[in-house]
Amino acid sequence: MDVSNYLARIGFSGLTDPGLDTLRRLHLAHLYTVPFENLDISLGRQITCDESRFLYKIVDLRRGGFCYELNGAFAALLRELGFRVTLLSARVAREDGSASPDFDHLALRVDLDEPWLADVGFGDSFLEPLRLNAEASQEQPGGPFRIVPVGDVMIVQRQLADENWRALYQFTLKPRRLEDFEARCQFQQTSPESHFTRQRVCTLPREEGRITLADLKLLRTAGRHREERMLSDEKEWRAVLLEQFGVRL
């Protein structure tokens, strides 16, 4: 792994000592430069839980990915810089209040003086790491988040505009290995029940909001302002991918 190439990929410069300030800066830099995207699935390109393939795709090909790829590669970078990182299995919240199966999402525990939750692979979520052992609200650039413990389960919640809290996903602190996620990774890219097989998505947060390409629909948000338009064809879609997200297929 070439750390300097990875840091250049995410536009990161400065000290890389394994402390909280570095973790926060790396987390933000990664989210602002490496998009959450599932484009290989529609192209029929198989994604496997292989760290070297994650790194090649994100660093060398300057692509993005979904959770297994993004957090898998980010974990490798953090470890190389001296951080203590544990892979965690998460279950994503559904509209009916239930949760998806284990290994549906990959998140990261990073142990400093206290444990932190890092996640650069969930799409529209927290931008800076969350303190793991604090149930209190934690202010973020996009609004407050909190982690609520229920038995041995930790639930990540986001405060909505109406001040209600919405669950994003839940996880336990049991350490996992990357290969533990392989079966679910294959499900995500092959099953008609997976939302990743139903729509092409590419999204990046911006300091003022977020930009998202959902099939031919381009969405921009800034605060409560939302703007959307339909692209004309695949040629324009590829042009927007390159111009707005730096993705060349």
Protein backbone atom coordinates (compact mmCIF):
# COMPACT_ATOMS: atom_id res chain seq x y z
CA MET A 1 0.00 0.00 0.00
CA ASP A 2 1.34 3.42 -1.00
CA VAL A 3 0.19 5.77 1.75
CA SER A 4 1.35 8.89 -0.08
CA ASN A 5 -0.76 7.99 -3.13
CA TYR A 6 -3.82 7.38 -0.97
CA LEU A 7 -3.36 10.70 0.84
CA ALA A 8 -2.95 12.46 -2.51
CA ARG A 9 -6.12 10.77 -3.76
CA ILE A 10 -8.13 12.35 -0.93
CA GLY A 11 -6.27 15.67 -1.05
CA PHE A 12 -4.85 15.25 2.45
CA SER A 13 -1.71 17.04 3.61
CA GLY A 14 -0.13 17.75 6.97
CA LEU A 15 0.61 15.63 10.02
CA THR A 16 -0.57 12.00 10.05
CA ASP A 17 0.04 11.10 13.69
CA PRO A 18 -2.66 8.66 14.90
CA GLY A 19 -4.70 11.11 16.95
CA LEU A 20 -8.23 12.49 16.97
CA ASP A 21 -7.48 15.59 14.91
CA THR A 22 -5.89 13.46 12.17
CA LEU A 23 -8.81 11.01 12.23
CA ARG A 24 -11.32 13.83 11.84
CA ARG A 25 -9.41 15.44 8.98
CA LEU A 26 -8.93 12.12 7.17
CA HIS A 27 -12.61 11.27 7.60
CA LEU A 28 -13.74 14.57 6.11
CA ALA A 29 -11.19 14.48 3.30
CA HIS A 30 -12.28 10.97 2.32
CA LEU A 31 -15.98 11.82 2.26
CA TYR A 32 -15.46 15.00 0.23
CA THR A 33 -13.37 13.32 -2.48
CA VAL A 34 -14.32 9.62 -2.76
CA PRO A 35 -17.95 9.17 -3.82
CA PHE A 36 -20.37 6.59 -2.55
CA GLU A 37 -21.31 4.77 -5.78
CA ASN A 38 -22.53 1.39 -7.02
CA LEU A 39 -21.77 1.82 -10.73
CA ASP A 40 -19.79 -1.41 -11.16
CA ILE A 41 -22.92 -3.40 -10.36
CA SER A 42 -24.83 -2.12 -13.40
CA LEU A 43 -21.71 -2.75 -15.50
CA GLY A 44 -21.57 -6.39 -14.37
CA ARG A 45 -18.18 -5.97 -12.70
CA GLN A 46 -17.95 -8.23 -9.66
CA ILE A 47 -16.99 -6.69 -6.33
CA THR A 48 -15.27 -8.99 -3.84
CA CYS A 49 -14.11 -8.32 -0.28
CA ASP A 50 -10.45 -7.98 -1.19
CA GLU A 51 -8.51 -5.11 0.36
CA SER A 52 -6.01 -4.86 -2.50
CA ARG A 53 -8.84 -4.55 -5.04
CA PHE A 54 -10.50 -1.84 -2.94
CA LEU A 55 -7.27 0.14 -2.84
CA TYR A 56 -6.63 -0.25 -6.57
CA LYS A 57 -10.14 0.89 -7.46
CA ILE A 58 -10.23 3.90 -5.12
CA VAL A 59 -6.62 5.09 -5.31
CA ASP A 60 -5.37 4.05 -8.75
CA LEU A 61 -8.60 4.20 -10.74
CA ARG A 62 -9.88 7.20 -8.72
CA ARG A 63 -13.29 5.60 -8.29
CA GLY A 64 -15.65 5.37 -5.34
CA GLY A 65 -17.57 2.37 -4.06
CA PHE A 66 -20.10 1.18 -1.52
CA CYS A 67 -19.58 0.46 2.17
CA TYR A 68 -17.40 -2.65 1.96
CA GLU A 69 -15.04 -0.95 -0.47
CA LEU A 70 -14.94 2.50 1.10
CA ASN A 71 -14.63 1.49 4.73
CA GLY A 72 -12.45 -1.50 3.84
CA ALA A 73 -9.94 0.76 2.11
CA PHE A 74 -10.20 3.46 4.79
CA ALA A 75 -9.50 0.88 7.50
CA ALA A 76 -6.35 -0.17 5.62
CA LEU A 77 -5.17 3.44 5.43
CA LEU A 78 -5.82 4.06 9.12
CA ARG A 79 -3.95 0.93 10.16
CA GLU A 80 -0.99 1.89 7.99
CA LEU A 81 -0.89 5.25 9.80
CA GLY A 82 -0.85 3.55 13.20
CA PHE A 83 -4.53 3.65 14.22
CA ARG A 84 -6.19 0.70 15.96
CA VAL A 85 -9.18 -0.24 13.81
CA THR A 86 -11.90 -2.89 14.22
CA LEU A 87 -14.40 -3.86 11.53
CA LEU A 88 -18.01 -3.85 12.75
CA SER A 89 -21.10 -5.46 11.22
CA ALA A 90 -24.15 -3.19 11.01
CA ARG A 91 -27.82 -3.73 10.20
CA VAL A 92 -29.53 -0.91 8.30
CA ALA A 93 -32.83 0.51 9.58
CA ARG A 94 -35.90 -0.11 7.41
CA GLU A 95 -38.97 2.05 7.01
CA ASP A 96 -41.11 -0.43 8.96
CA GLY A 97 -38.82 -0.20 12.01
CA SER A 98 -37.06 -3.52 11.42
CA ALA A 99 -33.38 -3.90 10.53
CA SER A 100 -31.64 -5.60 7.62
CA PRO A 101 -29.52 -8.76 8.18
CA ASP A 102 -26.09 -8.78 9.76
CA PHE A 103 -23.17 -7.73 7.53
CA ASP A 104 -25.50 -5.48 5.51
CA HIS A 105 -23.19 -2.58 6.30
CA LEU A 106 -19.53 -2.31 7.31
CA ALA A 107 -18.54 0.36 9.84
CA LEU A 108 -15.33 1.00 11.79
CA ARG A 109 -14.37 1.31 15.43
CA VAL A 110 -11.22 3.37 15.97
CA ASP A 111 -9.65 3.24 19.43
CA LEU A 112 -7.82 6.33 20.65
CA ASP A 113 -8.02 7.48 24.27
CA GLU A 114 -11.65 6.47 23.88
CA PRO A 115 -13.44 4.56 21.10
CA TRP A 116 -14.88 6.33 18.04
CA LEU A 117 -17.22 5.26 15.25
CA ALA A 118 -15.87 6.05 11.77
CA ASP A 119 -17.86 5.53 8.58
CA VAL A 120 -17.03 6.87 5.10
CA GLY A 121 -19.35 4.41 3.36
CA PHE A 122 -22.98 5.10 4.28
CA GLY A 123 -23.86 7.86 1.87
CA ASP A 124 -25.74 10.73 3.52
CA SER A 125 -24.63 10.39 7.14
CA PHE A 126 -22.27 11.92 9.71
CA LEU A 127 -19.21 13.68 8.30
CA GLU A 128 -16.92 13.45 11.34
CA PRO A 129 -16.35 10.41 13.58
CA LEU A 130 -18.81 9.93 16.44
CA ARG A 131 -17.81 9.34 20.05
CA LEU A 132 -18.85 5.74 20.65
CA ASN A 133 -19.59 5.79 24.37
CA ALA A 134 -21.72 8.93 24.52
CA GLU A 135 -25.49 8.75 24.22
CA ALA A 136 -25.75 12.55 24.18
CA SER A 137 -26.34 14.43 20.95
CA GLN A 138 -23.16 15.09 18.96
CA GLU A 139 -23.21 18.13 16.69
CA GLN A 140 -22.14 17.56 13.09
CA PRO A 141 -21.87 19.80 10.00
CA GLY A 142 -25.15 18.28 8.77
CA GLY A 143 -26.94 18.37 12.12
CA PRO A 144 -26.97 16.35 15.36
CA PHE A 145 -26.35 12.60 15.62
CA ARG A 146 -26.28 10.26 18.59
CA ILE A 147 -25.52 6.62 19.40
CA VAL A 148 -28.11 4.99 21.66
CA PRO A 149 -27.24 1.70 23.42
CA VAL A 150 -29.98 -0.92 23.79
CA GLY A 151 -28.46 -3.94 25.53
CA ASP A 152 -25.39 -4.88 23.51
CA VAL A 153 -26.74 -3.13 20.41
CA MET A 154 -25.71 0.43 19.49
CA ILE A 155 -28.13 2.44 17.33
CA VAL A 156 -26.92 5.39 15.24
CA GLN A 157 -29.62 8.05 15.03
CA ARG A 158 -29.91 11.36 13.19
CA GLN A 159 -32.05 14.31 14.28
CA LEU A 160 -34.47 15.45 11.59
CA ALA A 161 -35.69 18.97 10.87
CA ASP A 162 -38.79 18.33 13.04
CA GLU A 163 -36.41 17.43 15.93
CA ASN A 164 -37.46 13.77 15.91
CA TRP A 165 -34.72 11.15 15.80
CA ARG A 166 -34.41 8.65 12.96
CA ALA A 167 -32.41 5.41 13.20
CA LEU A 168 -29.83 4.88 10.45
CA TYR A 169 -28.28 1.57 11.47
CA GLN A 170 -27.44 -0.60 14.45
CA PHE A 171 -24.36 -2.60 15.32
CA THR A 172 -22.60 -4.53 18.05
CA LEU A 173 -18.95 -4.20 19.07
CA LYS A 174 -18.07 -7.77 18.09
CA PRO A 175 -14.89 -7.66 15.94
CA ARG A 176 -15.31 -8.91 12.38
CA ARG A 177 -13.02 -9.89 9.52
CA LEU A 178 -13.35 -8.56 5.99
CA GLU A 179 -14.17 -12.02 4.62
CA ASP A 180 -17.18 -12.18 6.98
CA PHE A 181 -18.90 -9.63 4.72
CA GLU A 182 -18.38 -11.53 1.45
CA ALA A 183 -21.74 -13.32 1.27
CA ARG A 184 -23.71 -10.14 1.91
CA CYS A 185 -21.52 -8.23 -0.53
CA GLN A 186 -22.49 -10.72 -3.23
CA PHE A 187 -26.17 -10.43 -2.28
CA GLN A 188 -26.02 -6.64 -2.59
CA GLN A 189 -24.81 -6.78 -6.19
CA THR A 190 -26.86 -9.72 -7.50
CA SER A 191 -30.21 -9.96 -5.73
CA PRO A 192 -33.29 -8.20 -7.16
CA GLU A 193 -34.16 -7.49 -3.51
CA SER A 194 -31.07 -5.31 -3.15
CA HIS A 195 -31.61 -1.61 -3.80
CA PHE A 196 -28.11 -1.52 -5.30
CA THR A 197 -29.33 -3.58 -8.28
CA ARG A 198 -32.30 -1.31 -8.90
CA GLN A 199 -30.67 2.07 -9.40
CA ARG A 200 -27.29 3.56 -10.26
CA VAL A 201 -26.16 6.03 -7.61
CA CYS A 202 -23.19 8.32 -7.18
CA THR A 203 -23.15 10.88 -4.35
CA LEU A 204 -20.76 13.25 -2.59
CA PRO A 205 -21.22 15.66 0.29
CA ARG A 206 -20.22 19.27 -0.29
CA GLU A 207 -19.52 21.91 2.31
CA GLU A 208 -22.80 23.57 1.37
CA GLY A 209 -24.83 20.36 1.00
CA ARG A 210 -24.73 17.31 -1.27
CA ILE A 211 -24.73 16.36 -4.95
CA THR A 212 -26.28 13.07 -6.09
CA LEU A 213 -26.69 11.35 -9.42
CA ALA A 214 -29.51 8.77 -9.29
CA ASP A 215 -29.73 7.20 -12.72
CA LEU A 216 -30.40 10.23 -14.97
CA LYS A 217 -31.61 12.48 -12.16
CA LEU A 218 -29.13 15.04 -10.82
CA LEU A 219 -29.93 16.37 -7.35
CA ARG A 220 -28.27 19.21 -5.45
CA THR A 221 -29.11 20.15 -1.88
CA ALA A 222 -27.94 23.10 0.18
CA GLY A 223 -29.59 23.42 3.56
CA ARG A 224 -33.32 23.10 2.90
CA HIS A 225 -32.95 24.10 -0.75
CA ARG A 226 -33.26 21.23 -3.21
CA GLU A 227 -32.72 21.38 -6.95
CA GLU A 228 -33.12 18.53 -9.40
CA ARG A 229 -33.08 18.02 -13.14
CA MET A 230 -33.14 15.13 -15.57
CA LEU A 231 -30.13 14.54 -17.76
CA SER A 232 -30.79 14.05 -21.44
CA ASP A 233 -28.96 10.77 -22.09
CA GLU A 234 -26.10 8.45 -21.17
CA LYS A 235 -23.55 10.73 -22.79
CA GLU A 236 -24.50 13.59 -20.49
CA TRP A 237 -24.61 11.16 -17.55
CA ARG A 238 -20.99 10.15 -18.16
CA ALA A 239 -19.98 13.79 -18.58
CA VAL A 240 -21.57 14.70 -15.22
CA LEU A 241 -19.88 11.72 -13.57
CA LEU A 242 -16.50 13.00 -14.67
CA GLU A 243 -17.10 16.71 -14.10
CA GLN A 244 -18.87 16.55 -10.72
CA PHE A 245 -17.50 13.34 -9.18
CA GLY A 246 -14.19 12.75 -10.96
CA VAL A 247 -15.39 9.30 -12.03
CA ARG A 248 -14.36 7.95 -15.41
CA LEU A 249 -15.81 4.53 -16.25
